[in-house]
Amino acid sequence: MNFVERLGIKKEEERMGYVKMSMQTGSDHMNIHGTVHGAVIFSLIDAAFEVISNQERKAFALNVEVNYRRVVKPGDLLLAEAWPESTGRTTSVYRIKVTNSEGKVVALATALSFNDEKN
């Protein structure tokens, strides 16, 4: 079982230029405040980034910047949607939006990948 599977992250939809991933949060995802830990939200973002950035070629993460917008309570279903903003020969930029069960934005991310043209 890989890391994404262990966290219960699932691919809900994938088409060229778009990916939607989901994750059901639980009590084992809590931080010291009793809300979902930022690392859990980041893992969902990173899983969506992994899929979208590798649709057409082998790619590796260079940077991910996350703006957390709202607290997540255990039990919330999170959805991450990812799409390319700018694709280039050696690097590409992607946007990832995470929403909660109510459709409210939880986090917004910008992710930069290195595109490995050799593989």
PDB file of N, CA and C in Angstrom:
ATOM      1  N   MET A   1       0.848  -1.174   0.000  1.00  0.00           N
ATOM      2  CA  MET A   1       0.000   0.000   0.000  1.00  0.00           C
ATOM      3  C   MET A   1       0.895   1.240   0.000  1.00  0.00           C
ATOM      4  N   ASN A   2       0.652   2.148  -0.951  1.00  0.00           N
ATOM      5  CA  ASN A   2       1.467   3.354  -0.984  1.00  0.00           C
ATOM      6  C   ASN A   2       0.908   4.429  -0.039  1.00  0.00           C
ATOM      7  N   PHE A   3       1.612   5.530   0.073  1.00  0.00           N
ATOM      8  CA  PHE A   3       1.258   6.593   1.024  1.00  0.00           C
ATOM      9  C   PHE A   3      -0.131   7.169   0.752  1.00  0.00           C
ATOM     10  N   VAL A   4      -0.428   7.450  -0.498  1.00  0.00           N
ATOM     11  CA  VAL A   4      -1.722   8.031  -0.866  1.00  0.00           C
ATOM     12  C   VAL A   4      -2.860   7.072  -0.503  1.00  0.00           C
ATOM     13  N   GLU A   5      -2.686   5.800  -0.802  1.00  0.00           N
ATOM     14  CA  GLU A   5      -3.699   4.796  -0.447  1.00  0.00           C
ATOM     15  C   GLU A   5      -3.852   4.691   1.067  1.00  0.00           C
ATOM     16  N   ARG A   6      -2.761   4.760   1.778  1.00  0.00           N
ATOM     17  CA  ARG A   6      -2.798   4.668   3.242  1.00  0.00           C
ATOM     18  C   ARG A   6      -3.629   5.802   3.848  1.00  0.00           C
ATOM     19  N   LEU A   7      -3.571   6.984   3.227  1.00  0.00           N
ATOM     20  CA  LEU A   7      -4.352   8.127   3.709  1.00  0.00           C
ATOM     21  C   LEU A   7      -5.808   8.082   3.240  1.00  0.00           C
ATOM     22  N   GLY A   8      -6.124   7.163   2.359  1.00  0.00           N
ATOM     23  CA  GLY A   8      -7.493   7.054   1.866  1.00  0.00           C
ATOM     24  C   GLY A   8      -7.820   8.052   0.773  1.00  0.00           C
ATOM     25  N   ILE A   9      -6.810   8.578   0.120  1.00  0.00           N
ATOM     26  CA  ILE A   9      -7.017   9.523  -0.980  1.00  0.00           C
ATOM     27  C   ILE A   9      -7.418   8.742  -2.224  1.00  0.00           C
ATOM     28  N   LYS A  10      -8.477   9.219  -2.894  1.00  0.00           N
ATOM     29  CA  LYS A  10      -8.999   8.527  -4.072  1.00  0.00           C
ATOM     30  C   LYS A  10      -9.091   9.481  -5.257  1.00  0.00           C
ATOM     31  N   LYS A  11      -8.850   8.934  -6.439  1.00  0.00           N
ATOM     32  CA  LYS A  11      -9.034   9.708  -7.661  1.00  0.00           C
ATOM     33  C   LYS A  11     -10.506   9.614  -8.051  1.00  0.00           C
ATOM     34  N   GLU A  12     -11.183  10.740  -8.085  1.00  0.00           N
ATOM     35  CA  GLU A  12     -12.601  10.794  -8.429  1.00  0.00           C
ATOM     36  C   GLU A  12     -12.817  11.006  -9.923  1.00  0.00           C
ATOM     37  N   GLU A  13     -11.939  11.810 -10.529  1.00  0.00           N
ATOM     38  CA  GLU A  13     -12.098  12.128 -11.945  1.00  0.00           C
ATOM     39  C   GLU A  13     -10.746  12.534 -12.509  1.00  0.00           C
ATOM     40  N   GLU A  14     -10.499  12.095 -13.725  1.00  0.00           N
ATOM     41  CA  GLU A  14      -9.298  12.539 -14.431  1.00  0.00           C
ATOM     42  C   GLU A  14      -9.592  12.618 -15.915  1.00  0.00           C
ATOM     43  N   ARG A  15      -9.279  13.757 -16.480  1.00  0.00           N
ATOM     44  CA  ARG A  15      -9.287  13.941 -17.925  1.00  0.00           C
ATOM     45  C   ARG A  15      -8.095  14.833 -18.237  1.00  0.00           C
ATOM     46  N   MET A  16      -7.719  14.909 -19.488  1.00  0.00           N
ATOM     47  CA  MET A  16      -6.546  15.700 -19.836  1.00  0.00           C
ATOM     48  C   MET A  16      -6.726  17.141 -19.347  1.00  0.00           C
ATOM     49  N   GLY A  17      -5.792  17.587 -18.520  1.00  0.00           N
ATOM     50  CA  GLY A  17      -5.818  18.946 -18.004  1.00  0.00           C
ATOM     51  C   GLY A  17      -6.672  19.152 -16.767  1.00  0.00           C
ATOM     52  N   TYR A  18      -7.154  18.064 -16.163  1.00  0.00           N
ATOM     53  CA  TYR A  18      -7.994  18.197 -14.965  1.00  0.00           C
ATOM     54  C   TYR A  18      -7.944  16.914 -14.145  1.00  0.00           C
ATOM     55  N   VAL A  19      -7.866  17.102 -12.808  1.00  0.00           N
ATOM     56  CA  VAL A  19      -7.899  15.974 -11.880  1.00  0.00           C
ATOM     57  C   VAL A  19      -8.712  16.375 -10.660  1.00  0.00           C
ATOM     58  N   LYS A  20      -9.532  15.447 -10.159  1.00  0.00           N
ATOM     59  CA  LYS A  20     -10.244  15.652  -8.897  1.00  0.00           C
ATOM     60  C   LYS A  20      -9.950  14.466  -7.989  1.00  0.00           C
ATOM     61  N   MET A  21      -9.455  14.772  -6.793  1.00  0.00           N
ATOM     62  CA  MET A  21      -9.131  13.752  -5.792  1.00  0.00           C
ATOM     63  C   MET A  21      -9.972  14.020  -4.545  1.00  0.00           C
ATOM     64  N   SER A  22     -10.232  12.974  -3.757  1.00  0.00           N
ATOM     65  CA  SER A  22     -11.001  13.138  -2.522  1.00  0.00           C
ATOM     66  C   SER A  22     -10.299  12.469  -1.354  1.00  0.00           C
ATOM     67  N   MET A  23     -10.682  12.928  -0.166  1.00  0.00           N
ATOM     68  CA  MET A  23     -10.152  12.342   1.066  1.00  0.00           C
ATOM     69  C   MET A  23     -11.150  12.560   2.195  1.00  0.00           C
ATOM     70  N   GLN A  24     -11.522  11.477   2.853  1.00  0.00           N
ATOM     71  CA  GLN A  24     -12.383  11.557   4.029  1.00  0.00           C
ATOM     72  C   GLN A  24     -11.502  11.741   5.256  1.00  0.00           C
ATOM     73  N   THR A  25     -11.692  12.831   5.971  1.00  0.00           N
ATOM     74  CA  THR A  25     -10.874  13.085   7.161  1.00  0.00           C
ATOM     75  C   THR A  25     -11.480  12.390   8.377  1.00  0.00           C
ATOM     76  N   GLY A  26     -10.636  12.136   9.360  1.00  0.00           N
ATOM     77  CA  GLY A  26     -11.093  11.463  10.566  1.00  0.00           C
ATOM     78  C   GLY A  26     -10.350  11.932  11.802  1.00  0.00           C
ATOM     79  N   SER A  27     -10.654  11.326  12.911  1.00  0.00           N
ATOM     80  CA  SER A  27     -10.053  11.730  14.187  1.00  0.00           C
ATOM     81  C   SER A  27      -8.544  11.482  14.226  1.00  0.00           C
ATOM     82  N   ASP A  28      -8.057  10.561  13.410  1.00  0.00           N
ATOM     83  CA  ASP A  28      -6.611  10.294  13.375  1.00  0.00           C
ATOM     84  C   ASP A  28      -5.849  11.349  12.571  1.00  0.00           C
ATOM     85  N   HIS A  29      -6.540  12.331  12.012  1.00  0.00           N
ATOM     86  CA  HIS A  29      -5.912  13.408  11.244  1.00  0.00           C
ATOM     87  C   HIS A  29      -5.818  14.719  12.027  1.00  0.00           C
ATOM     88  N   MET A  30      -6.163  14.677  13.314  1.00  0.00           N
ATOM     89  CA  MET A  30      -6.243  15.906  14.101  1.00  0.00           C
ATOM     90  C   MET A  30      -4.877  16.443  14.532  1.00  0.00           C
ATOM     91  N   ASN A  31      -4.858  17.764  14.714  1.00  0.00           N
ATOM     92  CA  ASN A  31      -3.708  18.437  15.300  1.00  0.00           C
ATOM     93  C   ASN A  31      -4.000  18.750  16.772  1.00  0.00           C
ATOM     94  N   ILE A  32      -3.172  19.558  17.415  1.00  0.00           N
ATOM     95  CA  ILE A  32      -3.353  19.852  18.848  1.00  0.00           C
ATOM     96  C   ILE A  32      -4.610  20.673  19.137  1.00  0.00           C
ATOM     97  N   HIS A  33      -5.203  21.269  18.110  1.00  0.00           N
ATOM     98  CA  HIS A  33      -6.411  22.081  18.285  1.00  0.00           C
ATOM     99  C   HIS A  33      -7.692  21.288  18.037  1.00  0.00           C
ATOM    100  N   GLY A  34      -7.550  20.014  17.659  1.00  0.00           N
ATOM    101  CA  GLY A  34      -8.711  19.186  17.380  1.00  0.00           C
ATOM    102  C   GLY A  34      -9.264  19.371  15.978  1.00  0.00           C
ATOM    103  N   THR A  35      -8.506  20.045  15.125  1.00  0.00           N
ATOM    104  CA  THR A  35      -8.890  20.202  13.722  1.00  0.00           C
ATOM    105  C   THR A  35      -7.919  19.397  12.866  1.00  0.00           C
ATOM    106  N   VAL A  36      -8.203  19.293  11.579  1.00  0.00           N
ATOM    107  CA  VAL A  36      -7.361  18.489  10.688  1.00  0.00           C
ATOM    108  C   VAL A  36      -6.008  19.179  10.483  1.00  0.00           C
ATOM    109  N   HIS A  37      -4.955  18.411  10.636  1.00  0.00           N
ATOM    110  CA  HIS A  37      -3.580  18.903  10.504  1.00  0.00           C
ATOM    111  C   HIS A  37      -3.313  19.387   9.082  1.00  0.00           C
ATOM    112  N   GLY A  38      -2.575  20.475   8.955  1.00  0.00           N
ATOM    113  CA  GLY A  38      -2.226  21.022   7.650  1.00  0.00           C
ATOM    114  C   GLY A  38      -1.475  20.034   6.773  1.00  0.00           C
ATOM    115  N   ALA A  39      -0.705  19.152   7.378  1.00  0.00           N
ATOM    116  CA  ALA A  39       0.042  18.154   6.600  1.00  0.00           C
ATOM    117  C   ALA A  39      -0.901  17.185   5.893  1.00  0.00           C
ATOM    118  N   VAL A  40      -2.052  16.938   6.471  1.00  0.00           N
ATOM    119  CA  VAL A  40      -3.049  16.066   5.843  1.00  0.00           C
ATOM    120  C   VAL A  40      -3.607  16.750   4.594  1.00  0.00           C
ATOM    121  N   ILE A  41      -3.939  18.030   4.732  1.00  0.00           N
ATOM    122  CA  ILE A  41      -4.448  18.803   3.595  1.00  0.00           C
ATOM    123  C   ILE A  41      -3.367  18.891   2.518  1.00  0.00           C
ATOM    124  N   PHE A  42      -2.134  19.129   2.930  1.00  0.00           N
ATOM    125  CA  PHE A  42      -1.031  19.190   1.975  1.00  0.00           C
ATOM    126  C   PHE A  42      -0.874  17.870   1.236  1.00  0.00           C
ATOM    127  N   SER A  43      -1.054  16.752   1.919  1.00  0.00           N
ATOM    128  CA  SER A  43      -0.928  15.444   1.269  1.00  0.00           C
ATOM    129  C   SER A  43      -1.953  15.272   0.159  1.00  0.00           C
ATOM    130  N   LEU A  44      -3.165  15.758   0.373  1.00  0.00           N
ATOM    131  CA  LEU A  44      -4.185  15.702  -0.667  1.00  0.00           C
ATOM    132  C   LEU A  44      -3.785  16.585  -1.851  1.00  0.00           C
ATOM    133  N   ILE A  45      -3.292  17.785  -1.558  1.00  0.00           N
ATOM    134  CA  ILE A  45      -2.809  18.690  -2.610  1.00  0.00           C
ATOM    135  C   ILE A  45      -1.695  18.024  -3.410  1.00  0.00           C
ATOM    136  N   ASP A  46      -0.747  17.440  -2.710  1.00  0.00           N
ATOM    137  CA  ASP A  46       0.400  16.819  -3.364  1.00  0.00           C
ATOM    138  C   ASP A  46      -0.014  15.621  -4.219  1.00  0.00           C
ATOM    139  N   ALA A  47      -1.004  14.871  -3.767  1.00  0.00           N
ATOM    140  CA  ALA A  47      -1.490  13.724  -4.544  1.00  0.00           C
ATOM    141  C   ALA A  47      -2.130  14.192  -5.849  1.00  0.00           C
ATOM    142  N   ALA A  48      -2.913  15.269  -5.792  1.00  0.00           N
ATOM    143  CA  ALA A  48      -3.526  15.822  -7.003  1.00  0.00           C
ATOM    144  C   ALA A  48      -2.446  16.375  -7.936  1.00  0.00           C
ATOM    145  N   PHE A  49      -1.449  17.040  -7.356  1.00  0.00           N
ATOM    146  CA  PHE A  49      -0.327  17.576  -8.132  1.00  0.00           C
ATOM    147  C   PHE A  49       0.427  16.450  -8.838  1.00  0.00           C
ATOM    148  N   GLU A  50       0.649  15.357  -8.130  1.00  0.00           N
ATOM    149  CA  GLU A  50       1.353  14.213  -8.711  1.00  0.00           C
ATOM    150  C   GLU A  50       0.635  13.696  -9.963  1.00  0.00           C
ATOM    151  N   VAL A  51      -0.667  13.558  -9.877  1.00  0.00           N
ATOM    152  CA  VAL A  51      -1.426  13.018 -11.008  1.00  0.00           C
ATOM    153  C   VAL A  51      -1.460  14.010 -12.173  1.00  0.00           C
ATOM    154  N   ILE A  52      -1.805  15.272 -11.903  1.00  0.00           N
ATOM    155  CA  ILE A  52      -1.948  16.248 -12.985  1.00  0.00           C
ATOM    156  C   ILE A  52      -0.614  16.514 -13.681  1.00  0.00           C
ATOM    157  N   SER A  53       0.463  16.572 -12.923  1.00  0.00           N
ATOM    158  CA  SER A  53       1.755  16.919 -13.521  1.00  0.00           C
ATOM    159  C   SER A  53       2.372  15.772 -14.313  1.00  0.00           C
ATOM    160  N   ASN A  54       1.890  14.565 -14.088  1.00  0.00           N
ATOM    161  CA  ASN A  54       2.426  13.405 -14.797  1.00  0.00           C
ATOM    162  C   ASN A  54       1.492  12.880 -15.884  1.00  0.00           C
ATOM    163  N   GLN A  55       0.520  13.657 -16.288  1.00  0.00           N
ATOM    164  CA  GLN A  55      -0.404  13.203 -17.325  1.00  0.00           C
ATOM    165  C   GLN A  55       0.272  12.995 -18.672  1.00  0.00           C
ATOM    166  N   GLU A  56       1.168  13.875 -19.045  1.00  0.00           N
ATOM    167  CA  GLU A  56       1.762  13.806 -20.378  1.00  0.00           C
ATOM    168  C   GLU A  56       3.232  13.424 -20.383  1.00  0.00           C
ATOM    169  N   ARG A  57       3.872  13.461 -19.227  1.00  0.00           N
ATOM    170  CA  ARG A  57       5.310  13.166 -19.147  1.00  0.00           C
ATOM    171  C   ARG A  57       5.673  12.902 -17.698  1.00  0.00           C
ATOM    172  N   LYS A  58       6.878  12.456 -17.494  1.00  0.00           N
ATOM    173  CA  LYS A  58       7.379  12.233 -16.146  1.00  0.00           C
ATOM    174  C   LYS A  58       7.781  13.588 -15.563  1.00  0.00           C
ATOM    175  N   ALA A  59       7.258  13.908 -14.383  1.00  0.00           N
ATOM    176  CA  ALA A  59       7.528  15.202 -13.766  1.00  0.00           C
ATOM    177  C   ALA A  59       7.840  15.018 -12.285  1.00  0.00           C
ATOM    178  N   PHE A  60       8.581  15.977 -11.744  1.00  0.00           N
ATOM    179  CA  PHE A  60       8.983  15.959 -10.338  1.00  0.00           C
ATOM    180  C   PHE A  60       8.680  17.314  -9.716  1.00  0.00           C
ATOM    181  N   ALA A  61       8.266  17.313  -8.464  1.00  0.00           N
ATOM    182  CA  ALA A  61       7.932  18.557  -7.773  1.00  0.00           C
ATOM    183  C   ALA A  61       9.188  19.371  -7.496  1.00  0.00           C
ATOM    184  N   LEU A  62       9.110  20.650  -7.780  1.00  0.00           N
ATOM    185  CA  LEU A  62      10.160  21.601  -7.418  1.00  0.00           C
ATOM    186  C   LEU A  62       9.727  22.481  -6.245  1.00  0.00           C
ATOM    187  N   ASN A  63       8.454  22.859  -6.233  1.00  0.00           N
ATOM    188  CA  ASN A  63       7.957  23.753  -5.194  1.00  0.00           C
ATOM    189  C   ASN A  63       6.438  23.656  -5.122  1.00  0.00           C
ATOM    190  N   VAL A  64       5.917  23.749  -3.912  1.00  0.00           N
ATOM    191  CA  VAL A  64       4.474  23.841  -3.701  1.00  0.00           C
ATOM    192  C   VAL A  64       4.235  24.918  -2.659  1.00  0.00           C
ATOM    193  N   GLU A  65       3.414  25.894  -3.007  1.00  0.00           N
ATOM    194  CA  GLU A  65       3.053  26.971  -2.078  1.00  0.00           C
ATOM    195  C   GLU A  65       1.573  26.831  -1.760  1.00  0.00           C
ATOM    196  N   VAL A  66       1.253  26.783  -0.462  1.00  0.00           N
ATOM    197  CA  VAL A  66      -0.126  26.574  -0.034  1.00  0.00           C
ATOM    198  C   VAL A  66      -0.588  27.748   0.817  1.00  0.00           C
ATOM    199  N   ASN A  67      -1.790  28.204   0.529  1.00  0.00           N
ATOM    200  CA  ASN A  67      -2.472  29.175   1.371  1.00  0.00           C
ATOM    201  C   ASN A  67      -3.667  28.459   1.993  1.00  0.00           C
ATOM    202  N   TYR A  68      -3.591  28.242   3.306  1.00  0.00           N
ATOM    203  CA  TYR A  68      -4.694  27.604   4.020  1.00  0.00           C
ATOM    204  C   TYR A  68      -5.729  28.679   4.319  1.00  0.00           C
ATOM    205  N   ARG A  69      -6.986  28.420   3.962  1.00  0.00           N
ATOM    206  CA  ARG A  69      -8.028  29.437   4.049  1.00  0.00           C
ATOM    207  C   ARG A  69      -9.051  29.178   5.140  1.00  0.00           C
ATOM    208  N   ARG A  70      -9.169  27.942   5.600  1.00  0.00           N
ATOM    209  CA  ARG A  70     -10.231  27.641   6.549  1.00  0.00           C
ATOM    210  C   ARG A  70      -9.878  26.372   7.319  1.00  0.00           C
ATOM    211  N   VAL A  71     -10.349  26.306   8.547  1.00  0.00           N
ATOM    212  CA  VAL A  71     -10.158  25.138   9.408  1.00  0.00           C
ATOM    213  C   VAL A  71     -10.993  23.979   8.874  1.00  0.00           C
ATOM    214  N   VAL A  72     -10.437  22.782   8.979  1.00  0.00           N
ATOM    215  CA  VAL A  72     -11.155  21.570   8.573  1.00  0.00           C
ATOM    216  C   VAL A  72     -11.420  20.739   9.817  1.00  0.00           C
ATOM    217  N   LYS A  73     -12.649  20.295   9.966  1.00  0.00           N
ATOM    218  CA  LYS A  73     -13.020  19.466  11.108  1.00  0.00           C
ATOM    219  C   LYS A  73     -12.964  17.999  10.717  1.00  0.00           C
ATOM    220  N   PRO A  74     -12.530  17.138  11.637  1.00  0.00           N
ATOM    221  CA  PRO A  74     -12.543  15.703  11.346  1.00  0.00           C
ATOM    222  C   PRO A  74     -13.944  15.279  10.921  1.00  0.00           C
ATOM    223  N   GLY A  75     -14.012  14.470   9.890  1.00  0.00           N
ATOM    224  CA  GLY A  75     -15.291  14.038   9.344  1.00  0.00           C
ATOM    225  C   GLY A  75     -15.631  14.727   8.041  1.00  0.00           C
ATOM    226  N   ASP A  76     -14.949  15.843   7.752  1.00  0.00           N
ATOM    227  CA  ASP A  76     -15.174  16.544   6.482  1.00  0.00           C
ATOM    228  C   ASP A  76     -14.613  15.727   5.319  1.00  0.00           C
ATOM    229  N   LEU A  77     -15.341  15.720   4.225  1.00  0.00           N
ATOM    230  CA  LEU A  77     -14.837  15.157   2.984  1.00  0.00           C
ATOM    231  C   LEU A  77     -14.168  16.295   2.230  1.00  0.00           C
ATOM    232  N   LEU A  78     -12.906  16.118   1.886  1.00  0.00           N
ATOM    233  CA  LEU A  78     -12.165  17.130   1.144  1.00  0.00           C
ATOM    234  C   LEU A  78     -12.058  16.732  -0.318  1.00  0.00           C
ATOM    235  N   LEU A  79     -12.190  17.726  -1.198  1.00  0.00           N
ATOM    236  CA  LEU A  79     -12.000  17.523  -2.629  1.00  0.00           C
ATOM    237  C   LEU A  79     -10.894  18.451  -3.097  1.00  0.00           C
ATOM    238  N   ALA A  80      -9.974  17.911  -3.881  1.00  0.00           N
ATOM    239  CA  ALA A  80      -8.901  18.706  -4.472  1.00  0.00           C
ATOM    240  C   ALA A  80      -9.061  18.657  -5.984  1.00  0.00           C
ATOM    241  N   GLU A  81      -9.126  19.834  -6.603  1.00  0.00           N
ATOM    242  CA  GLU A  81      -9.192  19.936  -8.054  1.00  0.00           C
ATOM    243  C   GLU A  81      -7.898  20.576  -8.537  1.00  0.00           C
ATOM    244  N   ALA A  82      -7.308  20.002  -9.583  1.00  0.00           N
ATOM    245  CA  ALA A  82      -6.026  20.481 -10.094  1.00  0.00           C
ATOM    246  C   ALA A  82      -6.103  20.676 -11.596  1.00  0.00           C
ATOM    247  N   TRP A  83      -5.422  21.724 -12.070  1.00  0.00           N
ATOM    248  CA  TRP A  83      -5.368  22.017 -13.502  1.00  0.00           C
ATOM    249  C   TRP A  83      -4.077  22.769 -13.799  1.00  0.00           C
ATOM    250  N   PRO A  84      -3.597  22.698 -15.030  1.00  0.00           N
ATOM    251  CA  PRO A  84      -2.374  23.416 -15.388  1.00  0.00           C
ATOM    252  C   PRO A  84      -2.665  24.900 -15.589  1.00  0.00           C
ATOM    253  N   GLU A  85      -1.749  25.711 -15.127  1.00  0.00           N
ATOM    254  CA  GLU A  85      -1.822  27.140 -15.409  1.00  0.00           C
ATOM    255  C   GLU A  85      -0.901  27.492 -16.564  1.00  0.00           C
ATOM    256  N   SER A  86       0.276  26.871 -16.574  1.00  0.00           N
ATOM    257  CA  SER A  86       1.263  27.147 -17.605  1.00  0.00           C
ATOM    258  C   SER A  86       2.151  25.923 -17.751  1.00  0.00           C
ATOM    259  N   THR A  87       2.173  25.340 -18.938  1.00  0.00           N
ATOM    260  CA  THR A  87       3.028  24.181 -19.165  1.00  0.00           C
ATOM    261  C   THR A  87       4.147  24.558 -20.128  1.00  0.00           C
ATOM    262  N   GLY A  88       5.343  24.167 -19.757  1.00  0.00           N
ATOM    263  CA  GLY A  88       6.505  24.467 -20.571  1.00  0.00           C
ATOM    264  C   GLY A  88       7.327  23.229 -20.848  1.00  0.00           C
ATOM    265  N   ARG A  89       8.407  23.401 -21.562  1.00  0.00           N
ATOM    266  CA  ARG A  89       9.267  22.275 -21.915  1.00  0.00           C
ATOM    267  C   ARG A  89       9.976  21.710 -20.691  1.00  0.00           C
ATOM    268  N   THR A  90      10.496  22.590 -19.822  1.00  0.00           N
ATOM    269  CA  THR A  90      11.256  22.096 -18.658  1.00  0.00           C
ATOM    270  C   THR A  90      10.530  22.259 -17.334  1.00  0.00           C
ATOM    271  N   THR A  91       9.644  23.250 -17.234  1.00  0.00           N
ATOM    272  CA  THR A  91       8.877  23.423 -15.996  1.00  0.00           C
ATOM    273  C   THR A  91       7.418  23.722 -16.329  1.00  0.00           C
ATOM    274  N   SER A  92       6.544  23.403 -15.379  1.00  0.00           N
ATOM    275  CA  SER A  92       5.115  23.689 -15.527  1.00  0.00           C
ATOM    276  C   SER A  92       4.557  24.135 -14.187  1.00  0.00           C
ATOM    277  N   VAL A  93       3.504  24.958 -14.247  1.00  0.00           N
ATOM    278  CA  VAL A  93       2.848  25.473 -13.049  1.00  0.00           C
ATOM    279  C   VAL A  93       1.405  24.966 -13.028  1.00  0.00           C
ATOM    280  N   TYR A  94       0.984  24.510 -11.850  1.00  0.00           N
ATOM    281  CA  TYR A  94      -0.362  23.980 -11.666  1.00  0.00           C
ATOM    282  C   TYR A  94      -1.043  24.694 -10.511  1.00  0.00           C
ATOM    283  N   ARG A  95      -2.367  24.749 -10.566  1.00  0.00           N
ATOM    284  CA  ARG A  95      -3.191  25.285  -9.480  1.00  0.00           C
ATOM    285  C   ARG A  95      -3.983  24.122  -8.884  1.00  0.00           C
ATOM    286  N   ILE A  96      -4.100  24.140  -7.567  1.00  0.00           N
ATOM    287  CA  ILE A  96      -4.878  23.127  -6.863  1.00  0.00           C
ATOM    288  C   ILE A  96      -5.776  23.842  -5.862  1.00  0.00           C
ATOM    289  N   LYS A  97      -7.064  23.530  -5.910  1.00  0.00           N
ATOM    290  CA  LYS A  97      -8.047  24.109  -4.984  1.00  0.00           C
ATOM    291  C   LYS A  97      -8.646  22.979  -4.161  1.00  0.00           C
ATOM    292  N   VAL A  98      -8.674  23.155  -2.841  1.00  0.00           N
ATOM    293  CA  VAL A  98      -9.267  22.167  -1.945  1.00  0.00           C
ATOM    294  C   VAL A  98     -10.519  22.770  -1.328  1.00  0.00           C
ATOM    295  N   THR A  99     -11.618  22.016  -1.395  1.00  0.00           N
ATOM    296  CA  THR A  99     -12.876  22.445  -0.785  1.00  0.00           C
ATOM    297  C   THR A  99     -13.339  21.398   0.229  1.00  0.00           C
ATOM    298  N   ASN A 100     -14.188  21.848   1.155  1.00  0.00           N
ATOM    299  CA  ASN A 100     -14.718  20.941   2.178  1.00  0.00           C
ATOM    300  C   ASN A 100     -16.094  20.421   1.776  1.00  0.00           C
ATOM    301  N   SER A 101     -16.754  19.719   2.701  1.00  0.00           N
ATOM    302  CA  SER A 101     -18.062  19.110   2.448  1.00  0.00           C
ATOM    303  C   SER A 101     -19.121  20.124   2.056  1.00  0.00           C
ATOM    304  N   GLU A 102     -18.939  21.380   2.480  1.00  0.00           N
ATOM    305  CA  GLU A 102     -19.901  22.440   2.165  1.00  0.00           C
ATOM    306  C   GLU A 102     -19.545  23.183   0.877  1.00  0.00           C
ATOM    307  N   GLY A 103     -18.454  22.776   0.225  1.00  0.00           N
ATOM    308  CA  GLY A 103     -18.022  23.446  -0.989  1.00  0.00           C
ATOM    309  C   GLY A 103     -17.221  24.718  -0.744  1.00  0.00           C
ATOM    310  N   LYS A 104     -16.841  24.949   0.508  1.00  0.00           N
ATOM    311  CA  LYS A 104     -16.062  26.138   0.855  1.00  0.00           C
ATOM    312  C   LYS A 104     -14.572  25.866   0.653  1.00  0.00           C
ATOM    313  N   VAL A 105     -13.855  26.885   0.207  1.00  0.00           N
ATOM    314  CA  VAL A 105     -12.429  26.735  -0.060  1.00  0.00           C
ATOM    315  C   VAL A 105     -11.663  26.561   1.257  1.00  0.00           C
ATOM    316  N   VAL A 106     -10.882  25.497   1.311  1.00  0.00           N
ATOM    317  CA  VAL A 106     -10.045  25.166   2.467  1.00  0.00           C
ATOM    318  C   VAL A 106      -8.608  25.613   2.223  1.00  0.00           C
ATOM    319  N   ALA A 107      -8.134  25.413   0.994  1.00  0.00           N
ATOM    320  CA  ALA A 107      -6.746  25.756   0.660  1.00  0.00           C
ATOM    321  C   ALA A 107      -6.629  25.995  -0.836  1.00  0.00           C
ATOM    322  N   LEU A 108      -5.689  26.858  -1.182  1.00  0.00           N
ATOM    323  CA  LEU A 108      -5.331  27.128  -2.568  1.00  0.00           C
ATOM    324  C   LEU A 108      -3.838  26.933  -2.707  1.00  0.00           C
ATOM    325  N   ALA A 109      -3.420  26.249  -3.751  1.00  0.00           N
ATOM    326  CA  ALA A 109      -1.998  25.961  -3.916  1.00  0.00           C
ATOM    327  C   ALA A 109      -1.542  26.258  -5.340  1.00  0.00           C
ATOM    328  N   THR A 110      -0.275  26.635  -5.431  1.00  0.00           N
ATOM    329  CA  THR A 110       0.418  26.771  -6.700  1.00  0.00           C
ATOM    330  C   THR A 110       1.595  25.811  -6.638  1.00  0.00           C
ATOM    331  N   ALA A 111       1.735  24.988  -7.661  1.00  0.00           N
ATOM    332  CA  ALA A 111       2.772  23.956  -7.651  1.00  0.00           C
ATOM    333  C   ALA A 111       3.604  24.024  -8.928  1.00  0.00           C
ATOM    334  N   LEU A 112       4.912  23.911  -8.764  1.00  0.00           N
ATOM    335  CA  LEU A 112       5.859  23.971  -9.868  1.00  0.00           C
ATOM    336  C   LEU A 112       6.512  22.611 -10.045  1.00  0.00           C
ATOM    337  N   SER A 113       6.517  22.120 -11.292  1.00  0.00           N
ATOM    338  CA  SER A 113       7.156  20.824 -11.557  1.00  0.00           C
ATOM    339  C   SER A 113       8.315  20.993 -12.527  1.00  0.00           C
ATOM    340  N   PHE A 114       9.267  20.058 -12.436  1.00  0.00           N
ATOM    341  CA  PHE A 114      10.326  19.903 -13.415  1.00  0.00           C
ATOM    342  C   PHE A 114       9.878  18.788 -14.339  1.00  0.00           C
ATOM    343  N   ASN A 115       9.894  19.050 -15.634  1.00  0.00           N
ATOM    344  CA  ASN A 115       9.474  18.068 -16.625  1.00  0.00           C
ATOM    345  C   ASN A 115      10.700  17.333 -17.154  1.00  0.00           C
ATOM    346  N   ASP A 116      10.780  16.061 -16.863  1.00  0.00           N
ATOM    347  CA  ASP A 116      11.920  15.241 -17.264  1.00  0.00           C
ATOM    348  C   ASP A 116      11.723  14.751 -18.691  1.00  0.00           C
ATOM    349  N   GLU A 117      12.297  15.457 -19.634  1.00  0.00           N
ATOM    350  CA  GLU A 117      12.160  15.111 -21.050  1.00  0.00           C
ATOM    351  C   GLU A 117      12.885  13.829 -21.422  1.00  0.00           C
ATOM    352  N   LYS A 118      13.792  13.371 -20.577  1.00  0.00           N
ATOM    353  CA  LYS A 118      14.585  12.175 -20.878  1.00  0.00           C
ATOM    354  C   LYS A 118      13.793  10.894 -20.661  1.00  0.00           C
ATOM    355  N   ASN A 119      12.747  10.953 -19.845  1.00  0.00           N
ATOM    356  CA  ASN A 119      11.986   9.750 -19.519  1.00  0.00           C
ATOM    357  C   ASN A 119      10.604   9.789 -20.103  1.00  0.00           C
TER     358      ASN A 119
END
